[in-house]
Amino acid sequence: MLKRLLYRGPSMEVLHEEYAKKGRLDERAPLSGAYEIRIEAPLERVWTLLSEPANWPSIDPAIHGVTVESSSGGAEVDARFTWVNGRNRIRSRFAVIDPGKELVWTGLAAGAKAVHRHVLEATDDGATLVRTEESMGGPLLVLFFSDAKLHRVLEKWLKGLKKAAEV
């Protein structure tokens, strides 16, 4: 329990380069979760919502203040972006962008370090399967966050993506 409580994990640079860019989560992180959903919308629509952070408030109204430091304003490998989710300001960086297939970023908020990964797959009948997974680590994080809460956050995120894409 003490290891989980005091876990610092790799530096953000190592987490970004050695984990996220390789499509890996931090398997030693004290918190992790995953969720998968079927979205009755074409892959291209789902990808556009997901890969352009300016769209994220349409997925989750708690998200605001999104700014992306990239030439396109969208997802580019190593582009930094900041966003606010509820009251938490998150400093993030895109790690993997494989259009229509995979989107991965790292993030830091209040000492918590995360890797967030999305994998998309088109179905034969025109729908899209999306799986999201995340690992989180940081000292004392387990005192106010849990795997169950992370699972609920991921579920809410994908249900919001589904709702936005199916409009």
C-alpha atoms as a PDB file:
ATOM      1  CA  MET A   1       0.000   0.000   0.000  1.00  0.00           C
ATOM      2  CA  LEU A   2       2.827   2.417   0.836  1.00  0.00           C
ATOM      3  CA  LYS A   3       4.349   1.913  -2.646  1.00  0.00           C
ATOM      4  CA  ARG A   4       1.008   2.833  -4.243  1.00  0.00           C
ATOM      5  CA  LEU A   5       0.630   5.834  -1.982  1.00  0.00           C
ATOM      6  CA  LEU A   6       4.091   7.257  -2.692  1.00  0.00           C
ATOM      7  CA  TYR A   7       4.425   6.189  -6.341  1.00  0.00           C
ATOM      8  CA  ARG A   8       6.058   8.905  -8.453  1.00  0.00           C
ATOM      9  CA  GLY A   9       6.601   6.896 -11.614  1.00  0.00           C
ATOM     10  CA  PRO A  10       8.791   7.878 -14.530  1.00  0.00           C
ATOM     11  CA  SER A  11       9.424  11.504 -15.418  1.00  0.00           C
ATOM     12  CA  MET A  12       6.969  13.120 -17.833  1.00  0.00           C
ATOM     13  CA  GLU A  13       9.597  12.965 -20.585  1.00  0.00           C
ATOM     14  CA  VAL A  14      10.161   9.223 -20.077  1.00  0.00           C
ATOM     15  CA  LEU A  15       6.427   8.614 -19.759  1.00  0.00           C
ATOM     16  CA  HIS A  16       5.882  10.455 -23.033  1.00  0.00           C
ATOM     17  CA  GLU A  17       8.789   8.984 -25.042  1.00  0.00           C
ATOM     18  CA  GLU A  18       9.089   5.454 -23.654  1.00  0.00           C
ATOM     19  CA  TYR A  19       5.487   4.687 -22.793  1.00  0.00           C
ATOM     20  CA  ALA A  20       2.946   6.831 -24.647  1.00  0.00           C
ATOM     21  CA  LYS A  21       4.825   7.008 -27.964  1.00  0.00           C
ATOM     22  CA  LYS A  22       5.006   3.229 -27.914  1.00  0.00           C
ATOM     23  CA  GLY A  23       1.265   2.907 -27.195  1.00  0.00           C
ATOM     24  CA  ARG A  24       1.981   1.713 -23.658  1.00  0.00           C
ATOM     25  CA  LEU A  25       0.497   2.663 -20.335  1.00  0.00           C
ATOM     26  CA  ASP A  26       2.502   2.806 -17.122  1.00  0.00           C
ATOM     27  CA  GLU A  27       1.795  -0.727 -15.915  1.00  0.00           C
ATOM     28  CA  ARG A  28       3.259   0.089 -12.484  1.00  0.00           C
ATOM     29  CA  ALA A  29       1.013   3.128 -11.953  1.00  0.00           C
ATOM     30  CA  PRO A  30      -1.320   2.724  -8.995  1.00  0.00           C
ATOM     31  CA  LEU A  31      -4.392   3.620 -11.045  1.00  0.00           C
ATOM     32  CA  SER A  32      -5.565   2.296 -14.384  1.00  0.00           C
ATOM     33  CA  GLY A  33      -8.811   1.848 -16.212  1.00  0.00           C
ATOM     34  CA  ALA A  34     -10.312   1.002 -19.579  1.00  0.00           C
ATOM     35  CA  TYR A  35     -13.657   1.248 -21.323  1.00  0.00           C
ATOM     36  CA  GLU A  36     -14.945   0.322 -24.763  1.00  0.00           C
ATOM     37  CA  ILE A  37     -17.992   1.483 -26.670  1.00  0.00           C
ATOM     38  CA  ARG A  38     -19.695   1.015 -30.038  1.00  0.00           C
ATOM     39  CA  ILE A  39     -20.596   4.266 -31.747  1.00  0.00           C
ATOM     40  CA  GLU A  40     -23.185   4.272 -34.525  1.00  0.00           C
ATOM     41  CA  ALA A  41     -21.250   6.775 -36.620  1.00  0.00           C
ATOM     42  CA  PRO A  42     -18.546   6.592 -39.269  1.00  0.00           C
ATOM     43  CA  LEU A  43     -14.955   6.347 -38.119  1.00  0.00           C
ATOM     44  CA  GLU A  44     -14.069   9.678 -39.776  1.00  0.00           C
ATOM     45  CA  ARG A  45     -16.643  11.578 -37.674  1.00  0.00           C
ATOM     46  CA  VAL A  46     -15.487   9.944 -34.448  1.00  0.00           C
ATOM     47  CA  TRP A  47     -11.835  10.625 -35.309  1.00  0.00           C
ATOM     48  CA  THR A  48     -12.525  14.299 -36.043  1.00  0.00           C
ATOM     49  CA  LEU A  49     -14.243  14.786 -32.683  1.00  0.00           C
ATOM     50  CA  LEU A  50     -11.453  13.031 -30.834  1.00  0.00           C
ATOM     51  CA  SER A  51      -8.412  14.414 -32.655  1.00  0.00           C
ATOM     52  CA  GLU A  52      -9.400  18.093 -32.509  1.00  0.00           C
ATOM     53  CA  PRO A  53      -9.306  19.176 -28.856  1.00  0.00           C
ATOM     54  CA  ALA A  54     -11.447  22.229 -29.653  1.00  0.00           C
ATOM     55  CA  ASN A  55     -14.287  19.677 -30.077  1.00  0.00           C
ATOM     56  CA  TRP A  56     -13.870  18.211 -26.593  1.00  0.00           C
ATOM     57  CA  PRO A  57     -16.394  20.527 -24.888  1.00  0.00           C
ATOM     58  CA  SER A  58     -19.044  18.970 -27.175  1.00  0.00           C
ATOM     59  CA  ILE A  59     -18.035  15.572 -25.769  1.00  0.00           C
ATOM     60  CA  ASP A  60     -17.925  16.660 -22.122  1.00  0.00           C
ATOM     61  CA  PRO A  61     -19.339  20.039 -21.021  1.00  0.00           C
ATOM     62  CA  ALA A  62     -16.963  20.038 -18.014  1.00  0.00           C
ATOM     63  CA  ILE A  63     -14.085  20.571 -20.467  1.00  0.00           C
ATOM     64  CA  HIS A  64     -13.216  24.144 -21.362  1.00  0.00           C
ATOM     65  CA  GLY A  65     -10.267  26.448 -21.921  1.00  0.00           C
ATOM     66  CA  VAL A  66      -8.715  24.189 -24.558  1.00  0.00           C
ATOM     67  CA  THR A  67      -5.626  25.626 -26.262  1.00  0.00           C
ATOM     68  CA  VAL A  68      -3.419  23.708 -28.677  1.00  0.00           C
ATOM     69  CA  GLU A  69       0.120  24.729 -29.616  1.00  0.00           C
ATOM     70  CA  SER A  70       0.218  23.296 -33.136  1.00  0.00           C
ATOM     71  CA  SER A  71       0.160  24.703 -36.635  1.00  0.00           C
ATOM     72  CA  SER A  72      -3.199  23.071 -37.390  1.00  0.00           C
ATOM     73  CA  GLY A  73      -4.860  23.615 -34.019  1.00  0.00           C
ATOM     74  CA  GLY A  74      -5.386  19.868 -33.916  1.00  0.00           C
ATOM     75  CA  ALA A  75      -3.464  16.791 -32.960  1.00  0.00           C
ATOM     76  CA  GLU A  76       0.175  16.677 -34.043  1.00  0.00           C
ATOM     77  CA  VAL A  77       2.843  14.441 -32.516  1.00  0.00           C
ATOM     78  CA  ASP A  78       4.579  16.278 -29.671  1.00  0.00           C
ATOM     79  CA  ALA A  79       2.160  19.241 -29.848  1.00  0.00           C
ATOM     80  CA  ARG A  80       1.407  20.564 -26.389  1.00  0.00           C
ATOM     81  CA  PHE A  81      -2.068  21.495 -25.291  1.00  0.00           C
ATOM     82  CA  THR A  82      -3.755  22.651 -22.137  1.00  0.00           C
ATOM     83  CA  TRP A  83      -7.325  22.156 -21.089  1.00  0.00           C
ATOM     84  CA  VAL A  84      -9.495  22.392 -18.035  1.00  0.00           C
ATOM     85  CA  ASN A  85     -11.650  19.472 -16.923  1.00  0.00           C
ATOM     86  CA  GLY A  86     -13.917  20.660 -14.141  1.00  0.00           C
ATOM     87  CA  ARG A  87     -11.502  22.568 -11.913  1.00  0.00           C
ATOM     88  CA  ASN A  88      -8.369  20.696 -13.007  1.00  0.00           C
ATOM     89  CA  ARG A  89      -6.021  22.398 -15.443  1.00  0.00           C
ATOM     90  CA  ILE A  90      -4.205  19.706 -17.428  1.00  0.00           C
ATOM     91  CA  ARG A  91      -0.986  20.207 -19.393  1.00  0.00           C
ATOM     92  CA  SER A  92      -0.833  17.592 -22.124  1.00  0.00           C
ATOM     93  CA  ARG A  93       1.165  16.497 -25.131  1.00  0.00           C
ATOM     94  CA  PHE A  94       0.193  14.292 -28.060  1.00  0.00           C
ATOM     95  CA  ALA A  95       2.351  11.172 -28.381  1.00  0.00           C
ATOM     96  CA  VAL A  96       0.760   8.968 -31.072  1.00  0.00           C
ATOM     97  CA  ILE A  97      -1.433  10.097 -33.923  1.00  0.00           C
ATOM     98  CA  ASP A  98      -2.370   7.343 -36.333  1.00  0.00           C
ATOM     99  CA  PRO A  99      -5.394   8.845 -38.132  1.00  0.00           C
ATOM    100  CA  GLY A 100      -8.500   6.772 -37.701  1.00  0.00           C
ATOM    101  CA  LYS A 101      -6.671   4.190 -35.612  1.00  0.00           C
ATOM    102  CA  GLU A 102      -4.906   5.469 -32.508  1.00  0.00           C
ATOM    103  CA  LEU A 103      -4.551   8.663 -30.476  1.00  0.00           C
ATOM    104  CA  VAL A 104      -2.379   8.829 -27.359  1.00  0.00           C
ATOM    105  CA  TRP A 105      -1.415  11.720 -25.109  1.00  0.00           C
ATOM    106  CA  THR A 106       0.277  12.313 -21.804  1.00  0.00           C
ATOM    107  CA  GLY A 107      -0.961  14.747 -19.205  1.00  0.00           C
ATOM    108  CA  LEU A 108       0.012  16.341 -15.916  1.00  0.00           C
ATOM    109  CA  ALA A 109      -2.400  17.862 -13.399  1.00  0.00           C
ATOM    110  CA  ALA A 110      -1.773  18.620  -9.733  1.00  0.00           C
ATOM    111  CA  GLY A 111       1.138  16.183  -9.616  1.00  0.00           C
ATOM    112  CA  ALA A 112      -0.769  13.335 -11.263  1.00  0.00           C
ATOM    113  CA  LYS A 113       0.847  11.974 -14.433  1.00  0.00           C
ATOM    114  CA  ALA A 114      -1.274  10.142 -16.979  1.00  0.00           C
ATOM    115  CA  VAL A 115      -1.086   8.301 -20.261  1.00  0.00           C
ATOM    116  CA  HIS A 116      -4.420   8.275 -22.121  1.00  0.00           C
ATOM    117  CA  ARG A 117      -4.823   6.020 -25.160  1.00  0.00           C
ATOM    118  CA  HIS A 118      -7.635   5.603 -27.689  1.00  0.00           C
ATOM    119  CA  VAL A 119      -7.838   2.821 -30.267  1.00  0.00           C
ATOM    120  CA  LEU A 120     -10.500   3.043 -32.985  1.00  0.00           C
ATOM    121  CA  GLU A 121     -11.791   0.427 -35.397  1.00  0.00           C
ATOM    122  CA  ALA A 122     -14.387   0.695 -38.143  1.00  0.00           C
ATOM    123  CA  THR A 123     -16.967  -2.082 -38.259  1.00  0.00           C
ATOM    124  CA  ASP A 124     -18.289  -3.714 -41.415  1.00  0.00           C
ATOM    125  CA  ASP A 125     -21.677  -2.046 -40.893  1.00  0.00           C
ATOM    126  CA  GLY A 126     -20.338   1.537 -40.694  1.00  0.00           C
ATOM    127  CA  ALA A 127     -20.093   1.942 -36.920  1.00  0.00           C
ATOM    128  CA  THR A 128     -16.945   2.592 -34.888  1.00  0.00           C
ATOM    129  CA  LEU A 129     -15.529   0.702 -31.922  1.00  0.00           C
ATOM    130  CA  VAL A 130     -13.516   2.860 -29.537  1.00  0.00           C
ATOM    131  CA  ARG A 131     -11.444   1.585 -26.648  1.00  0.00           C
ATOM    132  CA  THR A 132      -9.878   4.003 -24.221  1.00  0.00           C
ATOM    133  CA  GLU A 133      -7.432   3.202 -21.470  1.00  0.00           C
ATOM    134  CA  GLU A 134      -5.486   5.287 -19.021  1.00  0.00           C
ATOM    135  CA  SER A 135      -2.852   4.926 -16.338  1.00  0.00           C
ATOM    136  CA  MET A 136      -2.316   7.522 -13.614  1.00  0.00           C
ATOM    137  CA  GLY A 137       0.390   7.890 -11.034  1.00  0.00           C
ATOM    138  CA  GLY A 138       1.565  10.448  -8.543  1.00  0.00           C
ATOM    139  CA  PRO A 139       2.266  10.762  -4.829  1.00  0.00           C
ATOM    140  CA  LEU A 140      -0.860  10.528  -2.658  1.00  0.00           C
ATOM    141  CA  LEU A 141      -3.128  10.205  -5.740  1.00  0.00           C
ATOM    142  CA  VAL A 142      -4.768   7.056  -4.363  1.00  0.00           C
ATOM    143  CA  LEU A 143      -6.038   9.049  -1.368  1.00  0.00           C
ATOM    144  CA  PHE A 144      -8.539  10.931  -3.519  1.00  0.00           C
ATOM    145  CA  PHE A 145      -8.839   8.897  -6.728  1.00  0.00           C
ATOM    146  CA  SER A 146      -9.451   5.197  -7.410  1.00  0.00           C
ATOM    147  CA  ASP A 147      -9.570   2.701 -10.261  1.00  0.00           C
ATOM    148  CA  ALA A 148     -13.360   2.735  -9.974  1.00  0.00           C
ATOM    149  CA  LYS A 149     -13.503   6.518 -10.294  1.00  0.00           C
ATOM    150  CA  LEU A 150     -11.132   6.438 -13.270  1.00  0.00           C
ATOM    151  CA  HIS A 151     -13.346   3.803 -14.908  1.00  0.00           C
ATOM    152  CA  ARG A 152     -16.386   6.077 -14.425  1.00  0.00           C
ATOM    153  CA  VAL A 153     -14.482   9.016 -15.945  1.00  0.00           C
ATOM    154  CA  LEU A 154     -13.518   6.932 -18.998  1.00  0.00           C
ATOM    155  CA  GLU A 155     -17.076   5.635 -19.349  1.00  0.00           C
ATOM    156  CA  LYS A 156     -18.478   9.181 -19.181  1.00  0.00           C
ATOM    157  CA  TRP A 157     -15.929  10.348 -21.773  1.00  0.00           C
ATOM    158  CA  LEU A 158     -16.794   7.617 -24.284  1.00  0.00           C
ATOM    159  CA  LYS A 159     -20.542   7.964 -23.736  1.00  0.00           C
ATOM    160  CA  GLY A 160     -20.130  11.692 -24.428  1.00  0.00           C
ATOM    161  CA  LEU A 161     -18.130  10.903 -27.586  1.00  0.00           C
ATOM    162  CA  LYS A 162     -20.897   8.522 -28.670  1.00  0.00           C
ATOM    163  CA  LYS A 163     -23.592  11.120 -28.093  1.00  0.00           C
ATOM    164  CA  ALA A 164     -21.657  13.835 -29.963  1.00  0.00           C
ATOM    165  CA  ALA A 165     -20.815  11.553 -32.901  1.00  0.00           C
ATOM    166  CA  GLU A 166     -24.295  10.099 -33.307  1.00  0.00           C
ATOM    167  CA  VAL A 167     -25.996  13.506 -33.631  1.00  0.00           C
END
